[in-house]
Amino acid sequence: MAAPKLPQMITANRLRDGEVVWWRDGRWVERLAQATVYADPKEADVQLAAAQKFVADRMVVNPYLFDVRIEGDTIKPASEREIIRAAGPTVRHDLGKQSCPTLESFDVSI
């Protein structure tokens, strides 16, 4: 028996600055928690098609669907890739969603 289909969300990258964005009600938002979760795969496909207009308008690149899990009131990406994307850039520790007080807190010994 096939596993039940997980709900999905839509994500892309904003072209202006590369920021990860998510789809909500015909627009892009900057936080995963602000975006729409689609339980119905047909509705998710309809919304993905609507998101493609923003590619043609050169506002975002590569919108796609990804699976999520709902745990209580929290949306959790189902894949490691989307967990990382939701957390922000992994190459800048001084800015963005993963900011840290100092770089000294990382072990960079070889």
N, C-alpha and C. Protein backbone atom coordinates (compact mmCIF):
# COMPACT_ATOMS: atom_id res chain seq x y z
N MET A 1 0.83 -1.17 0.00
CA MET A 1 0.00 0.00 0.00
C MET A 1 0.89 1.25 0.00
N ALA A 2 0.53 2.21 -0.80
CA ALA A 2 1.30 3.45 -0.90
C ALA A 2 1.09 4.31 0.35
N ALA A 3 2.14 5.00 0.73
CA ALA A 3 2.05 5.91 1.88
C ALA A 3 1.15 7.08 1.52
N PRO A 4 0.42 7.62 2.50
CA PRO A 4 -0.44 8.76 2.20
C PRO A 4 0.39 9.96 1.75
N LYS A 5 -0.16 10.73 0.84
CA LYS A 5 0.53 11.92 0.31
C LYS A 5 0.59 13.00 1.38
N LEU A 6 1.77 13.58 1.54
CA LEU A 6 1.95 14.68 2.50
C LEU A 6 1.41 15.98 1.91
N PRO A 7 1.00 16.93 2.76
CA PRO A 7 0.64 18.25 2.25
C PRO A 7 1.86 18.90 1.60
N GLN A 8 1.61 19.90 0.78
CA GLN A 8 2.70 20.56 0.06
C GLN A 8 2.62 22.07 0.19
N MET A 9 3.76 22.70 -0.09
CA MET A 9 3.88 24.15 -0.17
C MET A 9 4.65 24.48 -1.44
N ILE A 10 4.66 25.76 -1.79
CA ILE A 10 5.39 26.23 -2.97
C ILE A 10 6.50 27.17 -2.51
N THR A 11 7.67 26.99 -3.09
CA THR A 11 8.81 27.85 -2.78
C THR A 11 9.52 28.24 -4.07
N ALA A 12 10.34 29.28 -3.98
CA ALA A 12 11.16 29.75 -5.09
C ALA A 12 12.26 30.63 -4.50
N ASN A 13 13.09 31.19 -5.36
CA ASN A 13 14.08 32.19 -4.93
C ASN A 13 13.75 33.50 -5.62
N ARG A 14 13.78 34.58 -4.86
CA ARG A 14 13.56 35.91 -5.41
C ARG A 14 14.80 36.31 -6.20
N LEU A 15 14.61 36.81 -7.40
CA LEU A 15 15.75 37.15 -8.25
C LEU A 15 16.52 38.38 -7.77
N ARG A 16 15.85 39.33 -7.19
CA ARG A 16 16.50 40.58 -6.76
C ARG A 16 17.66 40.33 -5.80
N ASP A 17 17.45 39.38 -4.85
CA ASP A 17 18.47 39.18 -3.83
C ASP A 17 18.74 37.72 -3.50
N GLY A 18 18.08 36.80 -4.17
CA GLY A 18 18.31 35.38 -3.95
C GLY A 18 17.58 34.80 -2.75
N GLU A 19 16.84 35.62 -2.03
CA GLU A 19 16.13 35.18 -0.83
C GLU A 19 15.13 34.06 -1.16
N VAL A 20 15.05 33.08 -0.28
CA VAL A 20 14.04 32.03 -0.40
C VAL A 20 12.69 32.64 -0.04
N VAL A 21 11.69 32.37 -0.86
CA VAL A 21 10.33 32.87 -0.62
C VAL A 21 9.34 31.72 -0.76
N TRP A 22 8.16 31.91 -0.16
CA TRP A 22 7.10 30.92 -0.19
C TRP A 22 5.81 31.57 -0.67
N TRP A 23 4.89 30.78 -1.21
CA TRP A 23 3.66 31.24 -1.86
C TRP A 23 2.50 31.34 -0.88
N ARG A 24 1.78 32.47 -0.95
CA ARG A 24 0.57 32.66 -0.15
C ARG A 24 -0.39 33.57 -0.91
N ASP A 25 -1.55 33.05 -1.23
CA ASP A 25 -2.64 33.85 -1.81
C ASP A 25 -2.20 34.73 -2.98
N GLY A 26 -1.46 34.16 -3.92
CA GLY A 26 -1.08 34.90 -5.11
C GLY A 26 0.10 35.84 -4.95
N ARG A 27 0.84 35.69 -3.86
CA ARG A 27 2.02 36.55 -3.65
C ARG A 27 3.08 35.74 -2.92
N TRP A 28 4.27 36.29 -2.87
CA TRP A 28 5.39 35.64 -2.20
C TRP A 28 5.61 36.25 -0.83
N VAL A 29 5.90 35.41 0.16
CA VAL A 29 6.20 35.86 1.53
C VAL A 29 7.58 35.34 1.92
N GLU A 30 8.18 35.96 2.93
CA GLU A 30 9.56 35.64 3.31
C GLU A 30 9.70 34.63 4.44
N ARG A 31 8.62 34.20 5.02
CA ARG A 31 8.67 33.25 6.13
C ARG A 31 7.81 32.03 5.81
N LEU A 32 8.35 30.87 6.07
CA LEU A 32 7.64 29.62 5.84
C LEU A 32 6.29 29.61 6.55
N ALA A 33 6.26 30.08 7.79
CA ALA A 33 5.03 30.05 8.58
C ALA A 33 3.92 30.94 8.01
N GLN A 34 4.27 31.88 7.14
CA GLN A 34 3.28 32.77 6.54
C GLN A 34 2.64 32.19 5.29
N ALA A 35 3.20 31.13 4.76
CA ALA A 35 2.78 30.59 3.47
C ALA A 35 1.62 29.61 3.60
N THR A 36 1.02 29.28 2.46
CA THR A 36 -0.13 28.38 2.41
C THR A 36 0.33 26.94 2.27
N VAL A 37 -0.33 26.06 3.02
CA VAL A 37 -0.11 24.62 2.92
C VAL A 37 -1.29 24.05 2.12
N TYR A 38 -0.97 23.20 1.14
CA TYR A 38 -1.99 22.60 0.28
C TYR A 38 -2.12 21.11 0.58
N ALA A 39 -3.27 20.73 1.12
CA ALA A 39 -3.55 19.31 1.37
C ALA A 39 -4.00 18.62 0.09
N ASP A 40 -4.62 19.37 -0.82
CA ASP A 40 -5.13 18.83 -2.07
C ASP A 40 -4.07 18.99 -3.17
N PRO A 41 -3.55 17.88 -3.72
CA PRO A 41 -2.52 17.98 -4.76
C PRO A 41 -2.98 18.73 -6.01
N LYS A 42 -4.25 18.65 -6.34
CA LYS A 42 -4.76 19.38 -7.52
C LYS A 42 -4.71 20.89 -7.28
N GLU A 43 -5.09 21.32 -6.10
CA GLU A 43 -5.01 22.74 -5.77
C GLU A 43 -3.56 23.21 -5.76
N ALA A 44 -2.67 22.38 -5.24
CA ALA A 44 -1.24 22.72 -5.24
C ALA A 44 -0.74 22.93 -6.67
N ASP A 45 -1.16 22.07 -7.58
CA ASP A 45 -0.75 22.22 -8.98
C ASP A 45 -1.31 23.49 -9.62
N VAL A 46 -2.56 23.83 -9.29
CA VAL A 46 -3.16 25.07 -9.80
C VAL A 46 -2.38 26.27 -9.30
N GLN A 47 -2.04 26.27 -8.02
CA GLN A 47 -1.30 27.39 -7.44
C GLN A 47 0.13 27.48 -7.99
N LEU A 48 0.75 26.33 -8.24
CA LEU A 48 2.09 26.33 -8.84
C LEU A 48 2.04 26.96 -10.22
N ALA A 49 1.00 26.65 -10.98
CA ALA A 49 0.84 27.27 -12.31
C ALA A 49 0.68 28.79 -12.18
N ALA A 50 -0.07 29.24 -11.17
CA ALA A 50 -0.24 30.69 -10.95
C ALA A 50 1.09 31.34 -10.56
N ALA A 51 1.91 30.63 -9.81
CA ALA A 51 3.21 31.17 -9.38
C ALA A 51 4.16 31.36 -10.56
N GLN A 52 3.95 30.62 -11.62
CA GLN A 52 4.83 30.72 -12.80
C GLN A 52 4.80 32.11 -13.44
N LYS A 53 3.71 32.88 -13.25
CA LYS A 53 3.64 34.24 -13.78
C LYS A 53 4.79 35.10 -13.26
N PHE A 54 5.19 34.84 -12.03
CA PHE A 54 6.26 35.62 -11.42
C PHE A 54 7.62 35.28 -12.01
N VAL A 55 7.73 34.10 -12.62
CA VAL A 55 8.94 33.75 -13.37
C VAL A 55 8.99 34.57 -14.65
N ALA A 56 7.87 34.60 -15.35
CA ALA A 56 7.80 35.39 -16.59
C ALA A 56 8.06 36.87 -16.33
N ASP A 57 7.63 37.35 -15.17
CA ASP A 57 7.85 38.76 -14.79
C ASP A 57 9.23 38.99 -14.18
N ARG A 58 10.05 37.95 -14.14
CA ARG A 58 11.43 38.02 -13.62
C ARG A 58 11.50 38.46 -12.16
N MET A 59 10.57 37.97 -11.37
CA MET A 59 10.59 38.27 -9.94
C MET A 59 11.15 37.12 -9.13
N VAL A 60 10.89 35.87 -9.57
CA VAL A 60 11.40 34.68 -8.89
C VAL A 60 11.94 33.71 -9.93
N VAL A 61 12.67 32.72 -9.43
CA VAL A 61 13.19 31.66 -10.29
C VAL A 61 12.82 30.32 -9.67
N ASN A 62 12.46 29.38 -10.52
CA ASN A 62 12.26 27.97 -10.18
C ASN A 62 11.26 27.70 -9.06
N PRO A 63 10.01 28.15 -9.18
CA PRO A 63 9.02 27.75 -8.18
C PRO A 63 8.76 26.25 -8.27
N TYR A 64 8.59 25.60 -7.12
CA TYR A 64 8.29 24.17 -7.11
C TYR A 64 7.57 23.81 -5.82
N LEU A 65 6.94 22.64 -5.85
CA LEU A 65 6.24 22.10 -4.69
C LEU A 65 7.19 21.27 -3.85
N PHE A 66 6.98 21.28 -2.55
CA PHE A 66 7.73 20.40 -1.66
C PHE A 66 6.81 19.92 -0.54
N ASP A 67 7.11 18.76 0.00
CA ASP A 67 6.30 18.14 1.05
C ASP A 67 6.59 18.75 2.41
N VAL A 68 5.53 18.83 3.22
CA VAL A 68 5.67 19.31 4.60
C VAL A 68 4.88 18.39 5.54
N ARG A 69 5.22 18.49 6.80
CA ARG A 69 4.47 17.83 7.86
C ARG A 69 3.93 18.92 8.78
N ILE A 70 2.74 18.70 9.29
CA ILE A 70 2.15 19.63 10.24
C ILE A 70 2.23 18.96 11.61
N GLU A 71 2.92 19.60 12.53
CA GLU A 71 3.08 19.09 13.89
C GLU A 71 2.52 20.13 14.85
N GLY A 72 1.31 19.88 15.33
CA GLY A 72 0.62 20.88 16.15
C GLY A 72 0.29 22.08 15.28
N ASP A 73 0.79 23.24 15.66
CA ASP A 73 0.60 24.46 14.88
C ASP A 73 1.82 24.80 14.04
N THR A 74 2.76 23.88 13.93
CA THR A 74 4.03 24.16 13.26
C THR A 74 4.13 23.43 11.92
N ILE A 75 4.60 24.14 10.92
CA ILE A 75 4.87 23.57 9.60
C ILE A 75 6.33 23.15 9.59
N LYS A 76 6.59 21.89 9.23
CA LYS A 76 7.96 21.39 9.17
C LYS A 76 8.22 20.80 7.79
N PRO A 77 9.21 21.33 7.06
CA PRO A 77 9.56 20.71 5.78
C PRO A 77 9.92 19.24 5.98
N ALA A 78 9.54 18.41 5.01
CA ALA A 78 9.77 16.96 5.13
C ALA A 78 11.17 16.56 4.70
N SER A 79 11.85 17.40 3.93
CA SER A 79 13.19 17.03 3.43
C SER A 79 14.26 17.91 4.07
N GLU A 80 15.45 17.34 4.16
CA GLU A 80 16.59 18.08 4.71
C GLU A 80 16.87 19.34 3.89
N ARG A 81 16.76 19.23 2.58
CA ARG A 81 17.00 20.39 1.70
C ARG A 81 16.11 21.56 2.07
N GLU A 82 14.82 21.30 2.26
CA GLU A 82 13.89 22.38 2.57
C GLU A 82 14.05 22.89 4.00
N ILE A 83 14.48 22.04 4.91
CA ILE A 83 14.79 22.51 6.27
C ILE A 83 15.92 23.52 6.20
N ILE A 84 16.95 23.23 5.43
CA ILE A 84 18.10 24.14 5.28
C ILE A 84 17.67 25.42 4.59
N ARG A 85 16.89 25.33 3.52
CA ARG A 85 16.44 26.53 2.80
C ARG A 85 15.61 27.44 3.71
N ALA A 86 14.77 26.83 4.55
CA ALA A 86 13.92 27.63 5.45
C ALA A 86 14.75 28.34 6.52
N ALA A 87 15.89 27.76 6.88
CA ALA A 87 16.75 28.36 7.91
C ALA A 87 17.58 29.51 7.37
N GLY A 88 17.81 29.57 6.07
CA GLY A 88 18.56 30.67 5.49
C GLY A 88 19.92 30.25 4.99
N PRO A 89 20.69 31.18 4.45
CA PRO A 89 21.99 30.86 3.86
C PRO A 89 22.92 30.19 4.85
N THR A 90 23.66 29.21 4.37
CA THR A 90 24.61 28.51 5.24
C THR A 90 26.01 29.06 5.09
N VAL A 91 26.20 30.05 4.23
CA VAL A 91 27.54 30.59 3.99
C VAL A 91 27.78 31.91 4.71
N ARG A 92 26.75 32.50 5.26
CA ARG A 92 26.90 33.77 5.98
C ARG A 92 26.43 33.58 7.41
N HIS A 93 27.34 33.64 8.34
CA HIS A 93 26.97 33.47 9.73
C HIS A 93 26.77 34.80 10.44
N ASP A 94 27.02 35.90 9.74
CA ASP A 94 26.90 37.20 10.37
C ASP A 94 25.59 37.91 10.00
N LEU A 95 24.87 37.41 9.01
CA LEU A 95 23.62 38.02 8.57
C LEU A 95 22.58 36.95 8.32
N GLY A 96 21.34 37.35 8.21
CA GLY A 96 20.31 36.44 7.77
C GLY A 96 19.72 35.59 8.88
N LYS A 97 19.00 34.58 8.46
CA LYS A 97 18.22 33.75 9.36
C LYS A 97 19.08 32.90 10.28
N GLN A 98 20.32 32.64 9.92
CA GLN A 98 21.19 31.80 10.74
C GLN A 98 22.27 32.61 11.45
N SER A 99 22.02 33.88 11.69
CA SER A 99 23.07 34.74 12.26
C SER A 99 23.52 34.25 13.63
N CYS A 100 24.80 34.42 13.86
CA CYS A 100 25.43 34.04 15.12
C CYS A 100 26.20 35.25 15.63
N PRO A 101 26.40 35.35 16.94
CA PRO A 101 27.10 36.51 17.48
C PRO A 101 28.52 36.65 16.95
N THR A 102 29.26 35.55 16.86
CA THR A 102 30.64 35.63 16.37
C THR A 102 30.98 34.39 15.59
N LEU A 103 31.93 34.51 14.72
CA LEU A 103 32.42 33.35 13.97
C LEU A 103 33.29 32.45 14.85
N GLU A 104 33.79 32.98 15.97
CA GLU A 104 34.63 32.17 16.84
C GLU A 104 33.88 30.99 17.43
N SER A 105 32.55 31.01 17.38
CA SER A 105 31.80 29.90 17.95
C SER A 105 31.82 28.65 17.07
N PHE A 106 32.44 28.74 15.91
CA PHE A 106 32.52 27.60 15.00
C PHE A 106 33.92 27.00 15.05
N ASP A 107 34.01 25.70 15.10
CA ASP A 107 35.29 24.98 15.09
C ASP A 107 35.73 24.85 13.64
N VAL A 108 36.76 25.58 13.26
CA VAL A 108 37.26 25.53 11.89
C VAL A 108 38.65 24.92 11.82
N SER A 109 39.03 24.20 12.86
CA SER A 109 40.37 23.59 12.85
C SER A 109 40.44 22.49 11.81
N ILE A 110 41.64 22.30 11.27
CA ILE A 110 41.85 21.29 10.22
C ILE A 110 42.74 20.19 10.76
